Amino acid sequence: MSTHKNERLTGKKLLLVRRLALDMQPEGAEVIALDVVDAGVGDHVLVVQEGSSARKIFDDPWIPVQAVIVGVLDRVDIGGRRVL
């Protein structure tokens, strides 16, 4: 819930996401990301975290966004070894 919400974010879902290291352990601080793939709590997701690319997804140069969830990961392999 927000007392002030930018009109360009109306109807869009925001989620807190956190970067994972290659060993799948959380690192760094949480980031607020717009969710365009209907991710859920506990999902491992792919995030575009660069403002201009994120704004292109919405075709809106004025939307206040720096991170967008663009995919839910089903599996991750690193060096031929499954880590997720």
Protein backbone atom coordinates (compact mmCIF):
# COMPACT_ATOMS: atom_id res chain seq x y z
CA MET A 1 0.00 0.00 0.00
CA SER A 2 1.25 3.43 -0.88
CA THR A 3 -0.04 6.87 0.04
CA HIS A 4 1.32 8.27 -3.22
CA LYS A 5 1.59 6.22 -6.37
CA ASN A 6 2.83 7.40 -9.72
CA GLU A 7 -0.07 7.23 -12.20
CA ARG A 8 2.14 5.37 -14.67
CA LEU A 9 2.40 2.47 -12.20
CA THR A 10 -1.36 2.01 -11.80
CA GLY A 11 -2.30 -1.63 -12.28
CA LYS A 12 1.31 -2.84 -12.26
CA LYS A 13 2.68 -5.28 -9.69
CA LEU A 14 5.87 -4.40 -7.80
CA LEU A 15 8.02 -7.05 -6.12
CA LEU A 16 11.16 -6.96 -4.00
CA VAL A 17 13.93 -8.97 -5.63
CA ARG A 18 17.45 -9.81 -4.54
CA ARG A 19 20.46 -10.80 -6.63
CA LEU A 20 21.85 -14.32 -6.29
CA ALA A 21 25.53 -15.21 -6.54
CA LEU A 22 26.65 -18.11 -8.75
CA ASP A 23 26.34 -20.42 -5.73
CA MET A 24 22.66 -19.33 -5.55
CA GLN A 25 23.17 -17.49 -2.25
CA PRO A 26 21.58 -14.02 -1.84
CA GLU A 27 23.90 -11.04 -2.15
CA GLY A 28 23.42 -7.29 -2.03
CA ALA A 29 20.33 -5.29 -1.20
CA GLU A 30 16.77 -5.79 -2.37
CA VAL A 31 15.52 -3.92 -5.44
CA ILE A 32 11.94 -2.99 -6.31
CA ALA A 33 11.06 -4.43 -9.72
CA LEU A 34 7.99 -4.26 -11.92
CA ASP A 35 6.64 -7.73 -12.63
CA VAL A 36 5.48 -8.37 -16.21
CA VAL A 37 5.45 -12.19 -16.00
CA ASP A 38 3.26 -12.76 -12.93
CA ALA A 39 6.08 -14.10 -10.76
CA GLY A 40 5.30 -15.19 -7.23
CA VAL A 41 6.95 -15.16 -3.85
CA GLY A 42 9.92 -17.55 -3.82
CA ASP A 43 10.26 -17.71 -7.62
CA HIS A 44 13.73 -17.34 -9.10
CA VAL A 45 13.44 -14.63 -11.75
CA LEU A 46 15.37 -12.90 -14.51
CA VAL A 47 15.54 -9.15 -14.02
CA VAL A 48 16.47 -6.38 -16.45
CA GLN A 49 18.05 -3.74 -14.25
CA GLU A 50 18.82 -0.82 -16.51
CA GLY A 51 16.42 2.08 -16.71
CA SER A 52 16.24 2.79 -20.44
CA SER A 53 15.86 -0.88 -21.39
CA ALA A 54 13.19 -1.31 -18.74
CA ARG A 55 11.29 1.72 -20.03
CA LYS A 56 11.39 0.32 -23.58
CA ILE A 57 9.52 -2.77 -22.37
CA PHE A 58 6.61 -0.51 -21.44
CA ASP A 59 7.07 1.83 -24.42
CA ASP A 60 6.90 4.72 -21.96
CA PRO A 61 9.93 7.01 -21.58
CA TRP A 62 8.47 8.54 -18.41
CA ILE A 63 7.63 5.43 -16.38
CA PRO A 64 9.68 5.52 -13.17
CA VAL A 65 11.31 2.10 -13.39
CA GLN A 66 14.85 0.78 -13.18
CA ALA A 67 14.21 -2.95 -12.81
CA VAL A 68 11.73 -5.27 -14.54
CA ILE A 69 11.11 -8.98 -13.97
CA VAL A 70 11.13 -10.45 -17.50
CA GLY A 71 11.17 -14.19 -16.80
CA VAL A 72 10.70 -16.95 -14.24
CA LEU A 73 13.57 -19.45 -14.19
CA ASP A 74 12.72 -23.14 -14.34
CA ARG A 75 16.31 -24.36 -14.34
CA VAL A 76 19.86 -22.99 -14.12
CA ASP A 77 22.98 -24.89 -15.20
CA ILE A 78 26.47 -23.51 -14.56
CA GLY A 79 29.47 -25.30 -16.00
CA GLY A 80 27.40 -28.36 -16.86
CA ARG A 81 26.08 -28.65 -13.30
CA ARG A 82 22.48 -27.99 -12.39
CA VAL A 83 22.26 -25.38 -9.60
CA LEU A 84 18.51 -24.75 -9.73
